[in-house]
């Protein structure tokens, strides 16, 4: 009798947790997503502010600045191999 009662209690708890997780999982996910969005916004905002401050400090009025290096065109190897002509044998 004790074993059957224990198994029924475990099953009741298992199904109860499944039902509660289906009810509260969307709410929990929204909360976690909102917190992550706030953290990302704060970090991105701080990064933007720092980048603008550094850029303003480095550049003087009327000065031209190039931020990227031009691509270097590498000559491709023309002699990759030789072409071999073949005939199909029936």
PDB file of N, CA and C in Angstrom:
ATOM      1  N   UNK A   1       0.823  -1.189   0.000  1.00  0.00           N
ATOM      2  CA  UNK A   1       0.000   0.000   0.000  1.00  0.00           C
ATOM      3  C   UNK A   1       0.870   1.257   0.000  1.00  0.00           C
ATOM      4  N   UNK A   2       1.987   1.217   0.729  1.00  0.00           N
ATOM      5  CA  UNK A   2       2.879   2.373   0.809  1.00  0.00           C
ATOM      6  C   UNK A   2       3.553   2.671  -0.519  1.00  0.00           C
ATOM      7  N   UNK A   3       3.916   1.627  -1.252  1.00  0.00           N
ATOM      8  CA  UNK A   3       4.574   1.800  -2.550  1.00  0.00           C
ATOM      9  C   UNK A   3       3.619   2.440  -3.546  1.00  0.00           C
ATOM     10  N   UNK A   4       2.376   1.963  -3.574  1.00  0.00           N
ATOM     11  CA  UNK A   4       1.378   2.503  -4.486  1.00  0.00           C
ATOM     12  C   UNK A   4       1.105   3.973  -4.176  1.00  0.00           C
ATOM     13  N   UNK A   5       1.023   4.305  -2.896  1.00  0.00           N
ATOM     14  CA  UNK A   5       0.782   5.687  -2.477  1.00  0.00           C
ATOM     15  C   UNK A   5       1.943   6.587  -2.902  1.00  0.00           C
ATOM     16  N   UNK A   6       3.177   6.106  -2.743  1.00  0.00           N
ATOM     17  CA  UNK A   6       4.366   6.874  -3.123  1.00  0.00           C
ATOM     18  C   UNK A   6       4.387   7.117  -4.628  1.00  0.00           C
ATOM     19  N   UNK A   7       4.069   6.086  -5.411  1.00  0.00           N
ATOM     20  CA  UNK A   7       4.048   6.224  -6.868  1.00  0.00           C
ATOM     21  C   UNK A   7       2.974   7.222  -7.279  1.00  0.00           C
ATOM     22  N   UNK A   8       1.802   7.172  -6.680  1.00  0.00           N
ATOM     23  CA  UNK A   8       0.735   8.112  -7.013  1.00  0.00           C
ATOM     24  C   UNK A   8       1.118   9.548  -6.652  1.00  0.00           C
ATOM     25  N   UNK A   9       1.776   9.740  -5.522  1.00  0.00           N
ATOM     26  CA  UNK A   9       2.219  11.085  -5.134  1.00  0.00           C
ATOM     27  C   UNK A   9       3.248  11.613  -6.136  1.00  0.00           C
ATOM     28  N   UNK A  10       4.181  10.759  -6.541  1.00  0.00           N
ATOM     29  CA  UNK A  10       5.206  11.170  -7.521  1.00  0.00           C
ATOM     30  C   UNK A  10       4.548  11.540  -8.848  1.00  0.00           C
ATOM     31  N   UNK A  11       3.588  10.733  -9.318  1.00  0.00           N
ATOM     32  CA  UNK A  11       2.890  11.039 -10.566  1.00  0.00           C
ATOM     33  C   UNK A  11       2.081  12.329 -10.457  1.00  0.00           C
ATOM     34  N   UNK A  12       1.434  12.542  -9.319  1.00  0.00           N
ATOM     35  CA  UNK A  12       0.666  13.759  -9.109  1.00  0.00           C
ATOM     36  C   UNK A  12       1.574  14.990  -9.150  1.00  0.00           C
ATOM     37  N   UNK A  13       2.698  14.905  -8.507  1.00  0.00           N
ATOM     38  CA  UNK A  13       3.659  16.015  -8.522  1.00  0.00           C
ATOM     39  C   UNK A  13       4.184  16.241  -9.938  1.00  0.00           C
ATOM     40  N   UNK A  14       4.504  15.160 -10.650  1.00  0.00           N
ATOM     41  CA  UNK A  14       5.029  15.248 -12.021  1.00  0.00           C
ATOM     42  C   UNK A  14       4.029  15.960 -12.935  1.00  0.00           C
ATOM     43  N   UNK A  15       2.758  15.513 -12.924  1.00  0.00           N
ATOM     44  CA  UNK A  15       1.760  16.135 -13.789  1.00  0.00           C
ATOM     45  C   UNK A  15       1.435  17.555 -13.333  1.00  0.00           C
ATOM     46  N   UNK A  16       1.470  17.807 -12.054  1.00  0.00           N
ATOM     47  CA  UNK A  16       1.258  19.165 -11.551  1.00  0.00           C
ATOM     48  C   UNK A  16       2.333  20.121 -12.036  1.00  0.00           C
ATOM     49  N   UNK A  17       3.582  19.667 -12.009  1.00  0.00           N
ATOM     50  CA  UNK A  17       4.686  20.507 -12.501  1.00  0.00           C
ATOM     51  C   UNK A  17       4.569  20.755 -14.000  1.00  0.00           C
ATOM     52  N   UNK A  18       4.133  19.743 -14.747  1.00  0.00           N
ATOM     53  CA  UNK A  18       3.959  19.922 -16.189  1.00  0.00           C
ATOM     54  C   UNK A  18       2.898  20.978 -16.487  1.00  0.00           C
ATOM     55  N   UNK A  19       1.787  20.905 -15.757  1.00  0.00           N
ATOM     56  CA  UNK A  19       0.707  21.878 -15.974  1.00  0.00           C
ATOM     57  C   UNK A  19       1.160  23.276 -15.576  1.00  0.00           C
ATOM     58  N   UNK A  20       1.819  23.390 -14.436  1.00  0.00           N
ATOM     59  CA  UNK A  20       2.293  24.706 -13.987  1.00  0.00           C
ATOM     60  C   UNK A  20       3.361  25.274 -14.920  1.00  0.00           C
ATOM     61  N   UNK A  21       4.223  24.414 -15.445  1.00  0.00           N
ATOM     62  CA  UNK A  21       5.261  24.907 -16.357  1.00  0.00           C
ATOM     63  C   UNK A  21       4.647  25.420 -17.652  1.00  0.00           C
ATOM     64  N   UNK A  22       3.585  24.784 -18.116  1.00  0.00           N
ATOM     65  CA  UNK A  22       2.921  25.278 -19.326  1.00  0.00           C
ATOM     66  C   UNK A  22       2.241  26.619 -19.078  1.00  0.00           C
ATOM     67  N   UNK A  23       1.788  26.848 -17.877  1.00  0.00           N
ATOM     68  CA  UNK A  23       1.139  28.113 -17.559  1.00  0.00           C
ATOM     69  C   UNK A  23       2.145  29.239 -17.344  1.00  0.00           C
ATOM     70  N   UNK A  24       3.231  28.948 -16.630  1.00  0.00           N
ATOM     71  CA  UNK A  24       4.159  29.999 -16.237  1.00  0.00           C
ATOM     72  C   UNK A  24       5.390  30.132 -17.130  1.00  0.00           C
ATOM     73  N   UNK A  25       5.630  29.203 -18.030  1.00  0.00           N
ATOM     74  CA  UNK A  25       6.808  29.283 -18.899  1.00  0.00           C
ATOM     75  C   UNK A  25       6.777  30.521 -19.800  1.00  0.00           C
ATOM     76  N   UNK A  26       5.649  30.845 -20.455  1.00  0.00           N
ATOM     77  CA  UNK A  26       5.655  32.063 -21.292  1.00  0.00           C
ATOM     78  C   UNK A  26       5.933  33.329 -20.488  1.00  0.00           C
ATOM     79  N   UNK A  27       5.389  33.407 -19.287  1.00  0.00           N
ATOM     80  CA  UNK A  27       5.613  34.584 -18.453  1.00  0.00           C
ATOM     81  C   UNK A  27       7.084  34.677 -18.055  1.00  0.00           C
ATOM     82  N   UNK A  28       7.659  33.547 -17.693  1.00  0.00           N
ATOM     83  CA  UNK A  28       9.070  33.513 -17.317  1.00  0.00           C
ATOM     84  C   UNK A  28       9.966  33.861 -18.503  1.00  0.00           C
ATOM     85  N   UNK A  29       9.637  33.355 -19.689  1.00  0.00           N
ATOM     86  CA  UNK A  29      10.445  33.658 -20.876  1.00  0.00           C
ATOM     87  C   UNK A  29      10.378  35.146 -21.229  1.00  0.00           C
ATOM     88  N   UNK A  30       9.204  35.752 -21.106  1.00  0.00           N
ATOM     89  CA  UNK A  30       9.080  37.189 -21.372  1.00  0.00           C
ATOM     90  C   UNK A  30       9.928  37.993 -20.399  1.00  0.00           C
ATOM     91  N   UNK A  31       9.915  37.586 -19.137  1.00  0.00           N
ATOM     92  CA  UNK A  31      10.707  38.280 -18.124  1.00  0.00           C
ATOM     93  C   UNK A  31      12.198  38.175 -18.432  1.00  0.00           C
ATOM     94  N   UNK A  32      12.662  36.983 -18.780  1.00  0.00           N
ATOM     95  CA  UNK A  32      14.079  36.776 -19.081  1.00  0.00           C
ATOM     96  C   UNK A  32      14.477  37.558 -20.330  1.00  0.00           C
ATOM     97  N   UNK A  33      13.620  37.548 -21.356  1.00  0.00           N
ATOM     98  CA  UNK A  33      13.928  38.279 -22.587  1.00  0.00           C
ATOM     99  C   UNK A  33      13.984  39.783 -22.320  1.00  0.00           C
ATOM    100  N   UNK A  34      13.087  40.275 -21.488  1.00  0.00           N
ATOM    101  CA  UNK A  34      13.076  41.701 -21.165  1.00  0.00           C
ATOM    102  C   UNK A  34      14.350  42.111 -20.435  1.00  0.00           C
ATOM    103  N   UNK A  35      14.780  41.292 -19.481  1.00  0.00           N
ATOM    104  CA  UNK A  35      16.018  41.591 -18.746  1.00  0.00           C
ATOM    105  C   UNK A  35      17.228  41.563 -19.675  1.00  0.00           C
ATOM    106  N   UNK A  36      17.276  40.573 -20.571  1.00  0.00           N
ATOM    107  CA  UNK A  36      18.397  40.482 -21.510  1.00  0.00           C
ATOM    108  C   UNK A  36      18.408  41.688 -22.440  1.00  0.00           C
ATOM    109  N   UNK A  37      17.234  42.125 -22.873  1.00  0.00           N
ATOM    110  CA  UNK A  37      17.145  43.288 -23.750  1.00  0.00           C
ATOM    111  C   UNK A  37      17.637  44.542 -23.032  1.00  0.00           C
ATOM    112  N   UNK A  38      17.279  44.689 -21.763  1.00  0.00           N
ATOM    113  CA  UNK A  38      17.743  45.849 -20.997  1.00  0.00           C
ATOM    114  C   UNK A  38      19.257  45.850 -20.844  1.00  0.00           C
ATOM    115  N   UNK A  39      19.821  44.686 -20.531  1.00  0.00           N
ATOM    116  CA  UNK A  39      21.281  44.594 -20.383  1.00  0.00           C
ATOM    117  C   UNK A  39      21.983  44.907 -21.698  1.00  0.00           C
ATOM    118  N   UNK A  40      21.457  44.355 -22.795  1.00  0.00           N
ATOM    119  CA  UNK A  40      22.063  44.602 -24.100  1.00  0.00           C
ATOM    120  C   UNK A  40      21.970  46.079 -24.456  1.00  0.00           C
ATOM    121  N   UNK A  41      20.829  46.680 -24.172  1.00  0.00           N
ATOM    122  CA  UNK A  41      20.653  48.104 -24.460  1.00  0.00           C
ATOM    123  C   UNK A  41      21.620  48.969 -23.667  1.00  0.00           C
ATOM    124  N   UNK A  42      21.830  48.618 -22.412  1.00  0.00           N
ATOM    125  CA  UNK A  42      22.765  49.382 -21.595  1.00  0.00           C
ATOM    126  C   UNK A  42      24.189  49.230 -22.123  1.00  0.00           C
ATOM    127  N   UNK A  43      24.581  48.000 -22.442  1.00  0.00           N
ATOM    128  CA  UNK A  43      25.942  47.774 -22.927  1.00  0.00           C
ATOM    129  C   UNK A  43      26.148  48.453 -24.277  1.00  0.00           C
ATOM    130  N   UNK A  44      25.174  48.350 -25.157  1.00  0.00           N
ATOM    131  CA  UNK A  44      25.299  48.955 -26.478  1.00  0.00           C
ATOM    132  C   UNK A  44      25.302  50.468 -26.368  1.00  0.00           C
ATOM    133  N   UNK A  45      24.474  51.009 -25.481  1.00  0.00           N
ATOM    134  CA  UNK A  45      24.445  52.455 -25.277  1.00  0.00           C
ATOM    135  C   UNK A  45      25.766  52.972 -24.751  1.00  0.00           C
ATOM    136  N   UNK A  46      26.356  52.247 -23.800  1.00  0.00           N
ATOM    137  CA  UNK A  46      27.659  52.643 -23.270  1.00  0.00           C
ATOM    138  C   UNK A  46      28.720  52.577 -24.351  1.00  0.00           C
ATOM    139  N   UNK A  47      28.665  51.553 -25.178  1.00  0.00           N
ATOM    140  CA  UNK A  47      29.642  51.404 -26.256  1.00  0.00           C
ATOM    141  C   UNK A  47      29.503  52.547 -27.251  1.00  0.00           C
ATOM    142  N   UNK A  48      28.264  52.898 -27.613  1.00  0.00           N
ATOM    143  CA  UNK A  48      28.041  53.977 -28.558  1.00  0.00           C
ATOM    144  C   UNK A  48      28.569  55.296 -27.999  1.00  0.00           C
ATOM    145  N   UNK A  49      28.282  55.564 -26.735  1.00  0.00           N
ATOM    146  CA  UNK A  49      28.739  56.817 -26.128  1.00  0.00           C
ATOM    147  C   UNK A  49      30.259  56.891 -26.092  1.00  0.00           C
ATOM    148  N   UNK A  50      30.916  55.805 -25.723  1.00  0.00           N
ATOM    149  CA  UNK A  50      32.375  55.795 -25.666  1.00  0.00           C
ATOM    150  C   UNK A  50      32.975  55.982 -27.054  1.00  0.00           C
ATOM    151  N   UNK A  51      32.404  55.319 -28.051  1.00  0.00           N
ATOM    152  CA  UNK A  51      32.929  55.431 -29.411  1.00  0.00           C
ATOM    153  C   UNK A  51      32.779  56.855 -29.928  1.00  0.00           C
ATOM    154  N   UNK A  52      31.640  57.494 -29.651  1.00  0.00           N
ATOM    155  CA  UNK A  52      31.428  58.862 -30.108  1.00  0.00           C
ATOM    156  C   UNK A  52      32.385  59.829 -29.412  1.00  0.00           C
ATOM    157  N   UNK A  53      32.633  59.606 -28.129  1.00  0.00           N
ATOM    158  CA  UNK A  53      33.541  60.481 -27.399  1.00  0.00           C
ATOM    159  C   UNK A  53      34.963  60.347 -27.932  1.00  0.00           C
ATOM    160  N   UNK A  54      35.402  59.093 -28.169  1.00  0.00           N
ATOM    161  CA  UNK A  54      36.754  58.889 -28.698  1.00  0.00           C
ATOM    162  C   UNK A  54      36.888  59.489 -30.088  1.00  0.00           C
ATOM    163  N   UNK A  55      35.863  59.310 -30.916  1.00  0.00           N
ATOM    164  CA  UNK A  55      35.900  59.826 -32.280  1.00  0.00           C
ATOM    165  C   UNK A  55      35.940  61.360 -32.274  1.00  0.00           C
ATOM    166  N   UNK A  56      35.185  61.971 -31.377  1.00  0.00           N
ATOM    167  CA  UNK A  56      35.166  63.433 -31.291  1.00  0.00           C
ATOM    168  C   UNK A  56      36.503  63.970 -30.784  1.00  0.00           C
ATOM    169  N   UNK A  57      37.155  63.259 -29.900  1.00  0.00           N
ATOM    170  CA  UNK A  57      38.428  63.711 -29.362  1.00  0.00           C
ATOM    171  C   UNK A  57      39.539  63.608 -30.403  1.00  0.00           C
ATOM    172  N   UNK A  58      39.531  62.555 -31.209  1.00  0.00           N
ATOM    173  CA  UNK A  58      40.607  62.338 -32.174  1.00  0.00           C
ATOM    174  C   UNK A  58      40.516  63.273 -33.373  1.00  0.00           C
ATOM    175  N   UNK A  59      39.314  63.540 -33.834  1.00  0.00           N
ATOM    176  CA  UNK A  59      39.142  64.252 -35.087  1.00  0.00           C
ATOM    177  C   UNK A  59      38.980  65.747 -34.861  1.00  0.00           C
ATOM    178  N   UNK A  60      39.753  66.505 -35.598  1.00  0.00           N
ATOM    179  CA  UNK A  60      39.640  67.956 -35.537  1.00  0.00           C
ATOM    180  C   UNK A  60      38.717  68.416 -36.662  1.00  0.00           C
ATOM    181  N   UNK A  61      38.203  69.630 -36.564  1.00  0.00           N
ATOM    182  CA  UNK A  61      37.294  70.144 -37.573  1.00  0.00           C
ATOM    183  C   UNK A  61      38.030  70.344 -38.889  1.00  0.00           C
ATOM    184  N   UNK A  62      37.459  69.844 -39.984  1.00  0.00           N
ATOM    185  CA  UNK A  62      38.046  69.980 -41.304  1.00  0.00           C
ATOM    186  C   UNK A  62      39.058  68.900 -41.638  1.00  0.00           C
ATOM    187  N   UNK A  63      39.329  67.995 -40.725  1.00  0.00           N
ATOM    188  CA  UNK A  63      40.311  66.943 -40.954  1.00  0.00           C
ATOM    189  C   UNK A  63      39.630  65.745 -41.625  1.00  0.00           C
ATOM    190  N   UNK A  64      40.310  65.144 -42.582  1.00  0.00           N
ATOM    191  CA  UNK A  64      39.785  63.969 -43.272  1.00  0.00           C
ATOM    192  C   UNK A  64      40.424  62.724 -42.684  1.00  0.00           C
ATOM    193  N   UNK A  65      39.577  61.764 -42.314  1.00  0.00           N
ATOM    194  CA  UNK A  65      40.059  60.537 -41.705  1.00  0.00           C
ATOM    195  C   UNK A  65      39.522  59.353 -42.485  1.00  0.00           C
ATOM    196  N   UNK A  66      40.397  58.400 -42.824  1.00  0.00           N
ATOM    197  CA  UNK A  66      39.987  57.169 -43.494  1.00  0.00           C
ATOM    198  C   UNK A  66      40.092  56.046 -42.481  1.00  0.00           C
ATOM    199  N   UNK A  67      38.954  55.399 -42.190  1.00  0.00           N
ATOM    200  CA  UNK A  67      38.902  54.386 -41.140  1.00  0.00           C
ATOM    201  C   UNK A  67      39.255  52.985 -41.610  1.00  0.00           C
ATOM    202  N   UNK A  68      39.211  52.718 -42.903  1.00  0.00           N
ATOM    203  CA  UNK A  68      39.468  51.357 -43.351  1.00  0.00           C
ATOM    204  C   UNK A  68      40.591  51.323 -44.374  1.00  0.00           C
ATOM    205  N   UNK A  69      41.224  50.189 -44.448  1.00  0.00           N
ATOM    206  CA  UNK A  69      42.297  49.996 -45.421  1.00  0.00           C
ATOM    207  C   UNK A  69      41.683  49.499 -46.721  1.00  0.00           C
ATOM    208  N   UNK A  70      42.190  49.937 -47.870  1.00  0.00           N
ATOM    209  CA  UNK A  70      41.661  49.430 -49.140  1.00  0.00           C
ATOM    210  C   UNK A  70      42.047  47.966 -49.336  1.00  0.00           C
ATOM    211  N   UNK A  71      41.224  47.277 -50.089  1.00  0.00           N
ATOM    212  CA  UNK A  71      41.509  45.869 -50.367  1.00  0.00           C
ATOM    213  C   UNK A  71      42.735  45.762 -51.268  1.00  0.00           C
ATOM    214  N   UNK A  72      43.557  44.786 -50.968  1.00  0.00           N
ATOM    215  CA  UNK A  72      44.726  44.544 -51.806  1.00  0.00           C
ATOM    216  C   UNK A  72      44.380  43.450 -52.801  1.00  0.00           C
ATOM    217  N   UNK A  73      44.504  43.768 -54.068  1.00  0.00           N
ATOM    218  CA  UNK A  73      44.187  42.777 -55.102  1.00  0.00           C
ATOM    219  C   UNK A  73      45.364  41.837 -55.258  1.00  0.00           C
ATOM    220  N   UNK A  74      45.130  40.581 -54.991  1.00  0.00           N
ATOM    221  CA  UNK A  74      46.179  39.583 -55.143  1.00  0.00           C
ATOM    222  C   UNK A  74      46.043  38.945 -56.520  1.00  0.00           C
ATOM    223  N   UNK A  75      47.142  38.841 -57.215  1.00  0.00           N
ATOM    224  CA  UNK A  75      47.120  38.219 -58.531  1.00  0.00           C
ATOM    225  C   UNK A  75      46.916  36.720 -58.364  1.00  0.00           C
ATOM    226  N   UNK A  76      45.984  36.200 -59.128  1.00  0.00           N
ATOM    227  CA  UNK A  76      45.728  34.765 -59.021  1.00  0.00           C
ATOM    228  C   UNK A  76      46.778  33.999 -59.817  1.00  0.00           C
ATOM    229  N   UNK A  77      46.986  32.784 -59.447  1.00  0.00           N
ATOM    230  CA  UNK A  77      47.952  31.935 -60.114  1.00  0.00           C
ATOM    231  C   UNK A  77      47.334  31.428 -61.413  1.00  0.00           C
ATOM    232  N   UNK A  78      47.853  31.894 -62.538  1.00  0.00           N
ATOM    233  CA  UNK A  78      47.292  31.525 -63.840  1.00  0.00           C
ATOM    234  C   UNK A  78      47.573  30.070 -64.182  1.00  0.00           C
ATOM    235  N   UNK A  79      48.712  29.566 -63.750  1.00  0.00           N
ATOM    236  CA  UNK A  79      49.069  28.199 -64.105  1.00  0.00           C
ATOM    237  C   UNK A  79      48.663  27.273 -62.953  1.00  0.00           C
ATOM    238  N   UNK A  80      47.454  26.784 -63.041  1.00  0.00           N
ATOM    239  CA  UNK A  80      46.928  25.918 -62.005  1.00  0.00           C
ATOM    240  C   UNK A  80      47.265  24.473 -62.321  1.00  0.00           C
ATOM    241  N   UNK A  81      47.221  24.126 -63.567  1.00  0.00           N
ATOM    242  CA  UNK A  81      47.490  22.761 -63.980  1.00  0.00           C
ATOM    243  C   UNK A  81      47.369  22.683 -65.494  1.00  0.00           C
ATOM    244  N   UNK A  82      47.533  21.518 -66.027  1.00  0.00           N
ATOM    245  CA  UNK A  82      47.420  21.386 -67.474  1.00  0.00           C
ATOM    246  C   UNK A  82      46.155  20.626 -67.822  1.00  0.00           C
ATOM    247  N   UNK A  83      45.616  20.926 -68.997  1.00  0.00           N
ATOM    248  CA  UNK A  83      44.381  20.313 -69.446  1.00  0.00           C
ATOM    249  C   UNK A  83      44.716  19.000 -70.144  1.00  0.00           C
ATOM    250  N   UNK A  84      44.019  17.947 -69.767  1.00  0.00           N
ATOM    251  CA  UNK A  84      44.252  16.633 -70.372  1.00  0.00           C
ATOM    252  C   UNK A  84      43.011  16.243 -71.151  1.00  0.00           C
ATOM    253  N   UNK A  85      43.216  16.030 -72.432  1.00  0.00           N
ATOM    254  CA  UNK A  85      42.120  15.630 -73.309  1.00  0.00           C
ATOM    255  C   UNK A  85      41.931  14.125 -73.186  1.00  0.00           C
ATOM    256  N   UNK A  86      40.697  13.674 -73.155  1.00  0.00           N
ATOM    257  CA  UNK A  86      40.467  12.246 -73.016  1.00  0.00           C
ATOM    258  C   UNK A  86      39.362  11.821 -73.970  1.00  0.00           C
ATOM    259  N   UNK A  87      39.376  10.538 -74.287  1.00  0.00           N
ATOM    260  CA  UNK A  87      38.346   9.960 -75.123  1.00  0.00           C
ATOM    261  C   UNK A  87      37.636   8.877 -74.339  1.00  0.00           C
ATOM    262  N   UNK A  88      36.330   8.788 -74.550  1.00  0.00           N
ATOM    263  CA  UNK A  88      35.550   7.783 -73.857  1.00  0.00           C
ATOM    264  C   UNK A  88      35.627   6.464 -74.615  1.00  0.00           C
ATOM    265  N   UNK A  89      35.913   5.392 -73.913  1.00  0.00           N
ATOM    266  CA  UNK A  89      36.034   4.072 -74.530  1.00  0.00           C
ATOM    267  C   UNK A  89      34.760   3.292 -74.248  1.00  0.00           C
ATOM    268  N   UNK A  90      34.153   2.726 -75.331  1.00  0.00           N
ATOM    269  CA  UNK A  90      32.921   1.934 -75.153  1.00  0.00           C
ATOM    270  C   UNK A  90      33.247   0.484 -74.911  1.00  0.00           C
TER     271      UNK A  90
END
